[in-house]
ModelCIF file with pLDDT and N, C-alpha, C, O atoms, coordinates in Angstrom:
data_MODEL
#
_entry.id   MODEL 
#
_entity.id                         1 
_entity.type                       polymer 
_entity.pdbx_number_of_molecules   1 
#
_entity_poly.entity_id                      1 
_entity_poly.type                           'polypeptide(L)' 
_entity_poly.nstd_linkage                   no 
_entity_poly.nstd_monomer                   no 
_entity_poly.pdbx_seq_one_letter_code       
;(UNK)(UNK)(UNK)(UNK)(UNK)(UNK)(UNK)(UNK)(UNK)(UNK)(UNK)(UNK)(UNK)(UNK)(UNK)(UNK)
(UNK)(UNK)(UNK)(UNK)(UNK)(UNK)(UNK)(UNK)(UNK)(UNK)(UNK)(UNK)(UNK)(UNK)(UNK)(UNK)
(UNK)(UNK)(UNK)(UNK)
;
_entity_poly.pdbx_seq_one_letter_code_can   XXXXXXXXXXXXXXXXXXXXXXXXXXXXXXXXXXXX 
_entity_poly.pdbx_strand_id                 A 
#
loop_
_entity_poly_seq.entity_id 
_entity_poly_seq.num 
_entity_poly_seq.mon_id 
_entity_poly_seq.hetero 
1 1  UNK n 
1 2  UNK n 
1 3  UNK n 
1 4  UNK n 
1 5  UNK n 
1 6  UNK n 
1 7  UNK n 
1 8  UNK n 
1 9  UNK n 
1 10 UNK n 
1 11 UNK n 
1 12 UNK n 
1 13 UNK n 
1 14 UNK n 
1 15 UNK n 
1 16 UNK n 
1 17 UNK n 
1 18 UNK n 
1 19 UNK n 
1 20 UNK n 
1 21 UNK n 
1 22 UNK n 
1 23 UNK n 
1 24 UNK n 
1 25 UNK n 
1 26 UNK n 
1 27 UNK n 
1 28 UNK n 
1 29 UNK n 
1 30 UNK n 
1 31 UNK n 
1 32 UNK n 
1 33 UNK n 
1 34 UNK n 
1 35 UNK n 
1 36 UNK n 
#
_struct_asym.id          A 
_struct_asym.entity_id   1 
#
loop_
_ma_qa_metric.id 
_ma_qa_metric.mode 
_ma_qa_metric.name 
_ma_qa_metric.software_group_id 
_ma_qa_metric.type 
1 global pLDDT . pLDDT 
2 local  pLDDT . pLDDT 
#
_ma_qa_metric_global.metric_id      1 
_ma_qa_metric_global.metric_value   82.22 
_ma_qa_metric_global.model_id       1 
_ma_qa_metric_global.ordinal_id     1 
#
loop_
_ma_qa_metric_local.label_asym_id 
_ma_qa_metric_local.label_comp_id 
_ma_qa_metric_local.label_seq_id 
_ma_qa_metric_local.metric_id 
_ma_qa_metric_local.metric_value 
_ma_qa_metric_local.model_id 
_ma_qa_metric_local.ordinal_id 
A UNK 1  2 94.00 1 1  
A UNK 2  2 92.00 1 2  
A UNK 3  2 94.00 1 3  
A UNK 4  2 86.00 1 4  
A UNK 5  2 79.00 1 5  
A UNK 6  2 79.00 1 6  
A UNK 7  2 87.00 1 7  
A UNK 8  2 89.00 1 8  
A UNK 9  2 86.00 1 9  
A UNK 10 2 87.00 1 10 
A UNK 11 2 86.00 1 11 
A UNK 12 2 81.00 1 12 
A UNK 13 2 82.00 1 13 
A UNK 14 2 76.00 1 14 
A UNK 15 2 76.00 1 15 
A UNK 16 2 72.00 1 16 
A UNK 17 2 68.00 1 17 
A UNK 18 2 69.00 1 18 
A UNK 19 2 66.00 1 19 
A UNK 20 2 69.00 1 20 
A UNK 21 2 64.00 1 21 
A UNK 22 2 67.00 1 22 
A UNK 23 2 74.00 1 23 
A UNK 24 2 79.00 1 24 
A UNK 25 2 82.00 1 25 
A UNK 26 2 88.00 1 26 
A UNK 27 2 91.00 1 27 
A UNK 28 2 92.00 1 28 
A UNK 29 2 92.00 1 29 
A UNK 30 2 87.00 1 30 
A UNK 31 2 87.00 1 31 
A UNK 32 2 86.00 1 32 
A UNK 33 2 86.00 1 33 
A UNK 34 2 88.00 1 34 
A UNK 35 2 89.00 1 35 
A UNK 36 2 90.00 1 36 
#
loop_
_atom_site.group_PDB 
_atom_site.id 
_atom_site.type_symbol 
_atom_site.label_atom_id 
_atom_site.label_alt_id 
_atom_site.label_comp_id 
_atom_site.label_asym_id 
_atom_site.label_entity_id 
_atom_site.label_seq_id 
_atom_site.pdbx_PDB_ins_code 
_atom_site.Cartn_x 
_atom_site.Cartn_y 
_atom_site.Cartn_z 
_atom_site.occupancy 
_atom_site.B_iso_or_equiv 
_atom_site.pdbx_formal_charge 
_atom_site.auth_seq_id 
_atom_site.auth_comp_id 
_atom_site.auth_asym_id 
_atom_site.auth_atom_id 
_atom_site.pdbx_PDB_model_num 
ATOM 1   N N  . UNK A 1 1  ? 0.842  -1.194  0.000   1.00 94.00 ? 1  UNK A N  1 
ATOM 2   C CA . UNK A 1 1  ? 0.000  0.000   0.000   1.00 94.00 ? 1  UNK A CA 1 
ATOM 3   C C  . UNK A 1 1  ? 0.873  1.238   0.000   1.00 94.00 ? 1  UNK A C  1 
ATOM 4   O O  . UNK A 1 1  ? 1.959  1.260   0.580   1.00 94.00 ? 1  UNK A O  1 
ATOM 5   N N  . UNK A 1 2  ? 0.364  2.281   -0.675  1.00 92.00 ? 2  UNK A N  1 
ATOM 6   C CA . UNK A 1 2  ? 1.036  3.576   -0.677  1.00 92.00 ? 2  UNK A CA 1 
ATOM 7   C C  . UNK A 1 2  ? -0.023 4.651   -0.450  1.00 92.00 ? 2  UNK A C  1 
ATOM 8   O O  . UNK A 1 2  ? -1.199 4.430   -0.737  1.00 92.00 ? 2  UNK A O  1 
ATOM 9   N N  . UNK A 1 3  ? 0.385  5.813   0.063   1.00 94.00 ? 3  UNK A N  1 
ATOM 10  C CA . UNK A 1 3  ? -0.610 6.864   0.276   1.00 94.00 ? 3  UNK A CA 1 
ATOM 11  C C  . UNK A 1 3  ? -1.056 7.467   -1.052  1.00 94.00 ? 3  UNK A C  1 
ATOM 12  O O  . UNK A 1 3  ? -0.240 7.669   -1.951  1.00 94.00 ? 3  UNK A O  1 
ATOM 13  N N  . UNK A 1 4  ? -2.339 7.752   -1.171  1.00 86.00 ? 4  UNK A N  1 
ATOM 14  C CA . UNK A 1 4  ? -2.901 8.441   -2.328  1.00 86.00 ? 4  UNK A CA 1 
ATOM 15  C C  . UNK A 1 4  ? -3.507 9.757   -1.872  1.00 86.00 ? 4  UNK A C  1 
ATOM 16  O O  . UNK A 1 4  ? -3.438 10.099  -0.691  1.00 86.00 ? 4  UNK A O  1 
ATOM 17  N N  . UNK A 1 5  ? -4.095 10.489  -2.792  1.00 79.00 ? 5  UNK A N  1 
ATOM 18  C CA . UNK A 1 5  ? -4.689 11.787  -2.443  1.00 79.00 ? 5  UNK A CA 1 
ATOM 19  C C  . UNK A 1 5  ? -5.856 11.660  -1.481  1.00 79.00 ? 5  UNK A C  1 
ATOM 20  O O  . UNK A 1 5  ? -6.053 12.521  -0.624  1.00 79.00 ? 5  UNK A O  1 
ATOM 21  N N  . UNK A 1 6  ? -6.630 10.594  -1.614  1.00 79.00 ? 6  UNK A N  1 
ATOM 22  C CA . UNK A 1 6  ? -7.802 10.474  -0.761  1.00 79.00 ? 6  UNK A CA 1 
ATOM 23  C C  . UNK A 1 6  ? -7.866 9.144   -0.013  1.00 79.00 ? 6  UNK A C  1 
ATOM 24  O O  . UNK A 1 6  ? -8.940 8.746   0.439   1.00 79.00 ? 6  UNK A O  1 
ATOM 25  N N  . UNK A 1 7  ? -6.744 8.458   0.123   1.00 87.00 ? 7  UNK A N  1 
ATOM 26  C CA . UNK A 1 7  ? -6.726 7.196   0.848   1.00 87.00 ? 7  UNK A CA 1 
ATOM 27  C C  . UNK A 1 7  ? -5.540 6.347   0.452   1.00 87.00 ? 7  UNK A C  1 
ATOM 28  O O  . UNK A 1 7  ? -4.635 6.813   -0.240  1.00 87.00 ? 7  UNK A O  1 
ATOM 29  N N  . UNK A 1 8  ? -5.544 5.114   0.887   1.00 89.00 ? 8  UNK A N  1 
ATOM 30  C CA . UNK A 1 8  ? -4.466 4.185   0.547   1.00 89.00 ? 8  UNK A CA 1 
ATOM 31  C C  . UNK A 1 8  ? -4.714 3.560   -0.822  1.00 89.00 ? 8  UNK A C  1 
ATOM 32  O O  . UNK A 1 8  ? -5.855 3.288   -1.196  1.00 89.00 ? 8  UNK A O  1 
ATOM 33  N N  . UNK A 1 9  ? -3.628 3.338   -1.563  1.00 86.00 ? 9  UNK A N  1 
ATOM 34  C CA . UNK A 1 9  ? -3.704 2.733   -2.889  1.00 86.00 ? 9  UNK A CA 1 
ATOM 35  C C  . UNK A 1 9  ? -2.968 1.399   -2.842  1.00 86.00 ? 9  UNK A C  1 
ATOM 36  O O  . UNK A 1 9  ? -1.769 1.363   -2.566  1.00 86.00 ? 9  UNK A O  1 
ATOM 37  N N  . UNK A 1 10 ? -3.682 0.291   -3.112  1.00 87.00 ? 10 UNK A N  1 
ATOM 38  C CA . UNK A 1 10 ? -3.002 -1.008  -3.131  1.00 87.00 ? 10 UNK A CA 1 
ATOM 39  C C  . UNK A 1 10 ? -2.224 -1.192  -4.429  1.00 87.00 ? 10 UNK A C  1 
ATOM 40  O O  . UNK A 1 10 ? -2.654 -0.721  -5.482  1.00 87.00 ? 10 UNK A O  1 
ATOM 41  N N  . UNK A 1 11 ? -1.081 -1.873  -4.360  1.00 86.00 ? 11 UNK A N  1 
ATOM 42  C CA . UNK A 1 11 ? -0.301 -2.145  -5.565  1.00 86.00 ? 11 UNK A CA 1 
ATOM 43  C C  . UNK A 1 11 ? 0.514  -3.416  -5.384  1.00 86.00 ? 11 UNK A C  1 
ATOM 44  O O  . UNK A 1 11 ? 0.766  -3.858  -4.263  1.00 86.00 ? 11 UNK A O  1 
ATOM 45  N N  . UNK A 1 12 ? 0.917  -3.992  -6.503  1.00 81.00 ? 12 UNK A N  1 
ATOM 46  C CA . UNK A 1 12 ? 1.790  -5.166  -6.501  1.00 81.00 ? 12 UNK A CA 1 
ATOM 47  C C  . UNK A 1 12 ? 3.110  -4.756  -7.132  1.00 81.00 ? 12 UNK A C  1 
ATOM 48  O O  . UNK A 1 12 ? 3.128  -4.130  -8.192  1.00 81.00 ? 12 UNK A O  1 
ATOM 49  N N  . UNK A 1 13 ? 4.187  -5.097  -6.500  1.00 82.00 ? 13 UNK A N  1 
ATOM 50  C CA . UNK A 1 13 ? 5.517  -4.787  -7.012  1.00 82.00 ? 13 UNK A CA 1 
ATOM 51  C C  . UNK A 1 13 ? 6.078  -6.015  -7.715  1.00 82.00 ? 13 UNK A C  1 
ATOM 52  O O  . UNK A 1 13 ? 6.006  -7.126  -7.191  1.00 82.00 ? 13 UNK A O  1 
ATOM 53  N N  . UNK A 1 14 ? 6.643  -5.807  -8.918  1.00 76.00 ? 14 UNK A N  1 
ATOM 54  C CA . UNK A 1 14 ? 7.236  -6.926  -9.638  1.00 76.00 ? 14 UNK A CA 1 
ATOM 55  C C  . UNK A 1 14 ? 8.334  -6.414  -10.562 1.00 76.00 ? 14 UNK A C  1 
ATOM 56  O O  . UNK A 1 14 ? 8.322  -5.253  -10.971 1.00 76.00 ? 14 UNK A O  1 
ATOM 57  N N  . UNK A 1 15 ? 9.268  -7.275  -10.883 1.00 76.00 ? 15 UNK A N  1 
ATOM 58  C CA . UNK A 1 15 ? 10.356 -6.935  -11.784 1.00 76.00 ? 15 UNK A CA 1 
ATOM 59  C C  . UNK A 1 15 ? 9.910  -7.203  -13.220 1.00 76.00 ? 15 UNK A C  1 
ATOM 60  O O  . UNK A 1 15 ? 9.764  -8.360  -13.614 1.00 76.00 ? 15 UNK A O  1 
ATOM 61  N N  . UNK A 1 16 ? 9.696  -6.158  -13.998 1.00 72.00 ? 16 UNK A N  1 
ATOM 62  C CA . UNK A 1 16 ? 9.230  -6.331  -15.372 1.00 72.00 ? 16 UNK A CA 1 
ATOM 63  C C  . UNK A 1 16 ? 10.298 -6.902  -16.288 1.00 72.00 ? 16 UNK A C  1 
ATOM 64  O O  . UNK A 1 16 ? 9.977  -7.567  -17.273 1.00 72.00 ? 16 UNK A O  1 
ATOM 65  N N  . UNK A 1 17 ? 11.548 -6.655  -15.982 1.00 68.00 ? 17 UNK A N  1 
ATOM 66  C CA . UNK A 1 17 ? 12.623 -7.143  -16.833 1.00 68.00 ? 17 UNK A CA 1 
ATOM 67  C C  . UNK A 1 17 ? 12.725 -8.650  -16.913 1.00 68.00 ? 17 UNK A C  1 
ATOM 68  O O  . UNK A 1 17 ? 13.298 -9.177  -17.867 1.00 68.00 ? 17 UNK A O  1 
ATOM 69  N N  . UNK A 1 18 ? 12.186 -9.356  -15.939 1.00 69.00 ? 18 UNK A N  1 
ATOM 70  C CA . UNK A 1 18 ? 12.263 -10.813 -15.892 1.00 69.00 ? 18 UNK A CA 1 
ATOM 71  C C  . UNK A 1 18 ? 10.899 -11.473 -16.134 1.00 69.00 ? 18 UNK A C  1 
ATOM 72  O O  . UNK A 1 18 ? 10.748 -12.672 -15.903 1.00 69.00 ? 18 UNK A O  1 
ATOM 73  N N  . UNK A 1 19 ? 9.922  -10.714 -16.591 1.00 66.00 ? 19 UNK A N  1 
ATOM 74  C CA . UNK A 1 19 ? 8.562  -11.198 -16.742 1.00 66.00 ? 19 UNK A CA 1 
ATOM 75  C C  . UNK A 1 19 ? 8.290  -11.633 -18.176 1.00 66.00 ? 19 UNK A C  1 
ATOM 76  O O  . UNK A 1 19 ? 8.454  -10.830 -19.094 1.00 66.00 ? 19 UNK A O  1 
ATOM 77  N N  . UNK A 1 20 ? 7.875  -12.889 -18.398 1.00 69.00 ? 20 UNK A N  1 
ATOM 78  C CA . UNK A 1 20 ? 7.528  -13.311 -19.764 1.00 69.00 ? 20 UNK A CA 1 
ATOM 79  C C  . UNK A 1 20 ? 6.223  -12.672 -20.222 1.00 69.00 ? 20 UNK A C  1 
ATOM 80  O O  . UNK A 1 20 ? 5.398  -12.280 -19.397 1.00 69.00 ? 20 UNK A O  1 
ATOM 81  N N  . UNK A 1 21 ? 6.033  -12.563 -21.548 1.00 64.00 ? 21 UNK A N  1 
ATOM 82  C CA . UNK A 1 21 ? 4.813  -11.972 -22.099 1.00 64.00 ? 21 UNK A CA 1 
ATOM 83  C C  . UNK A 1 21 ? 3.549  -12.580 -21.502 1.00 64.00 ? 21 UNK A C  1 
ATOM 84  O O  . UNK A 1 21 ? 2.583  -11.864 -21.239 1.00 64.00 ? 21 UNK A O  1 
ATOM 85  N N  . UNK A 1 22 ? 3.547  -13.883 -21.286 1.00 67.00 ? 22 UNK A N  1 
ATOM 86  C CA . UNK A 1 22 ? 2.342  -14.561 -20.827 1.00 67.00 ? 22 UNK A CA 1 
ATOM 87  C C  . UNK A 1 22 ? 1.997  -14.269 -19.366 1.00 67.00 ? 22 UNK A C  1 
ATOM 88  O O  . UNK A 1 22 ? 0.893  -14.594 -18.930 1.00 67.00 ? 22 UNK A O  1 
ATOM 89  N N  . UNK A 1 23 ? 2.893  -13.675 -18.609 1.00 74.00 ? 23 UNK A N  1 
ATOM 90  C CA . UNK A 1 23 ? 2.648  -13.433 -17.190 1.00 74.00 ? 23 UNK A CA 1 
ATOM 91  C C  . UNK A 1 23 ? 1.689  -12.270 -16.943 1.00 74.00 ? 23 UNK A C  1 
ATOM 92  O O  . UNK A 1 23 ? 1.035  -12.228 -15.901 1.00 74.00 ? 23 UNK A O  1 
ATOM 93  N N  . UNK A 1 24 ? 1.593  -11.341 -17.869 1.00 79.00 ? 24 UNK A N  1 
ATOM 94  C CA . UNK A 1 24 ? 0.704  -10.186 -17.718 1.00 79.00 ? 24 UNK A CA 1 
ATOM 95  C C  . UNK A 1 24 ? -0.289 -10.217 -18.869 1.00 79.00 ? 24 UNK A C  1 
ATOM 96  O O  . UNK A 1 24 ? 0.080  -9.997  -20.022 1.00 79.00 ? 24 UNK A O  1 
ATOM 97  N N  . UNK A 1 25 ? -1.548 -10.491 -18.553 1.00 82.00 ? 25 UNK A N  1 
ATOM 98  C CA . UNK A 1 25 ? -2.545 -10.602 -19.624 1.00 82.00 ? 25 UNK A CA 1 
ATOM 99  C C  . UNK A 1 25 ? -3.119 -9.250  -20.021 1.00 82.00 ? 25 UNK A C  1 
ATOM 100 O O  . UNK A 1 25 ? -3.647 -9.107  -21.124 1.00 82.00 ? 25 UNK A O  1 
ATOM 101 N N  . UNK A 1 26 ? -3.025 -8.260  -19.149 1.00 88.00 ? 26 UNK A N  1 
ATOM 102 C CA . UNK A 1 26 ? -3.543 -6.945  -19.472 1.00 88.00 ? 26 UNK A CA 1 
ATOM 103 C C  . UNK A 1 26 ? -3.274 -5.964  -18.356 1.00 88.00 ? 26 UNK A C  1 
ATOM 104 O O  . UNK A 1 26 ? -3.013 -6.347  -17.215 1.00 88.00 ? 26 UNK A O  1 
ATOM 105 N N  . UNK A 1 27 ? -3.340 -4.685  -18.704 1.00 91.00 ? 27 UNK A N  1 
ATOM 106 C CA . UNK A 1 27 ? -3.147 -3.614  -17.734 1.00 91.00 ? 27 UNK A CA 1 
ATOM 107 C C  . UNK A 1 27 ? -4.297 -2.633  -17.904 1.00 91.00 ? 27 UNK A C  1 
ATOM 108 O O  . UNK A 1 27 ? -4.602 -2.214  -19.020 1.00 91.00 ? 27 UNK A O  1 
ATOM 109 N N  . UNK A 1 28 ? -4.934 -2.269  -16.801 1.00 92.00 ? 28 UNK A N  1 
ATOM 110 C CA . UNK A 1 28 ? -5.980 -1.252  -16.824 1.00 92.00 ? 28 UNK A CA 1 
ATOM 111 C C  . UNK A 1 28 ? -5.408 -0.005  -16.156 1.00 92.00 ? 28 UNK A C  1 
ATOM 112 O O  . UNK A 1 28 ? -5.026 -0.036  -14.986 1.00 92.00 ? 28 UNK A O  1 
ATOM 113 N N  . UNK A 1 29 ? -5.354 1.082   -16.905 1.00 92.00 ? 29 UNK A N  1 
ATOM 114 C CA . UNK A 1 29 ? -4.845 2.352   -16.382 1.00 92.00 ? 29 UNK A CA 1 
ATOM 115 C C  . UNK A 1 29 ? -5.983 3.032   -15.642 1.00 92.00 ? 29 UNK A C  1 
ATOM 116 O O  . UNK A 1 29 ? -7.040 3.299   -16.214 1.00 92.00 ? 29 UNK A O  1 
ATOM 117 N N  . UNK A 1 30 ? -5.757 3.309   -14.368 1.00 87.00 ? 30 UNK A N  1 
ATOM 118 C CA . UNK A 1 30 ? -6.788 3.903   -13.526 1.00 87.00 ? 30 UNK A CA 1 
ATOM 119 C C  . UNK A 1 30 ? -7.151 5.312   -13.945 1.00 87.00 ? 30 UNK A C  1 
ATOM 120 O O  . UNK A 1 30 ? -6.456 5.937   -14.746 1.00 87.00 ? 30 UNK A O  1 
ATOM 121 N N  . UNK A 1 31 ? -8.247 5.803   -13.392 1.00 87.00 ? 31 UNK A N  1 
ATOM 122 C CA . UNK A 1 31 ? -8.693 7.148   -13.746 1.00 87.00 ? 31 UNK A CA 1 
ATOM 123 C C  . UNK A 1 31 ? -7.655 8.191   -13.344 1.00 87.00 ? 31 UNK A C  1 
ATOM 124 O O  . UNK A 1 31 ? -7.107 8.152   -12.242 1.00 87.00 ? 31 UNK A O  1 
ATOM 125 N N  . UNK A 1 32 ? -7.400 9.108   -14.242 1.00 86.00 ? 32 UNK A N  1 
ATOM 126 C CA . UNK A 1 32 ? -6.487 10.217  -13.980 1.00 86.00 ? 32 UNK A CA 1 
ATOM 127 C C  . UNK A 1 32 ? -6.783 11.321  -14.984 1.00 86.00 ? 32 UNK A C  1 
ATOM 128 O O  . UNK A 1 32 ? -7.504 11.077  -15.951 1.00 86.00 ? 32 UNK A O  1 
ATOM 129 N N  . UNK A 1 33 ? -6.254 12.526  -14.794 1.00 86.00 ? 33 UNK A N  1 
ATOM 130 C CA . UNK A 1 33 ? -6.606 13.636  -15.692 1.00 86.00 ? 33 UNK A CA 1 
ATOM 131 C C  . UNK A 1 33 ? -6.009 13.521  -17.094 1.00 86.00 ? 33 UNK A C  1 
ATOM 132 O O  . UNK A 1 33 ? -6.430 14.249  -17.993 1.00 86.00 ? 33 UNK A O  1 
ATOM 133 N N  . UNK A 1 34 ? -5.046 12.631  -17.305 1.00 88.00 ? 34 UNK A N  1 
ATOM 134 C CA . UNK A 1 34 ? -4.385 12.505  -18.616 1.00 88.00 ? 34 UNK A CA 1 
ATOM 135 C C  . UNK A 1 34 ? -4.331 11.033  -19.029 1.00 88.00 ? 34 UNK A C  1 
ATOM 136 O O  . UNK A 1 34 ? -3.251 10.468  -19.198 1.00 88.00 ? 34 UNK A O  1 
ATOM 137 N N  . UNK A 1 35 ? -5.489 10.427  -19.187 1.00 89.00 ? 35 UNK A N  1 
ATOM 138 C CA . UNK A 1 35 ? -5.574 8.989   -19.438 1.00 89.00 ? 35 UNK A CA 1 
ATOM 139 C C  . UNK A 1 35 ? -4.847 8.559   -20.699 1.00 89.00 ? 35 UNK A C  1 
ATOM 140 O O  . UNK A 1 35 ? -4.152 7.543   -20.685 1.00 89.00 ? 35 UNK A O  1 
ATOM 141 N N  . UNK A 1 36 ? -4.987 9.303   -21.789 1.00 90.00 ? 36 UNK A N  1 
ATOM 142 C CA . UNK A 1 36 ? -4.310 8.918   -23.039 1.00 90.00 ? 36 UNK A CA 1 
ATOM 143 C C  . UNK A 1 36 ? -2.796 8.891   -22.861 1.00 90.00 ? 36 UNK A C  1 
ATOM 144 O O  . UNK A 1 36 ? -2.069 8.589   -23.807 1.00 90.00 ? 36 UNK A O  1 
#
């Protein structure tokens, strides 16, 4: 967990450099003012 503007934000830490393509099926970018 890390502090956010209005509460705690849960997250998972991982080393991307050692991650095979099949390990991450998708990423959803959370709401923010500059989504694109």
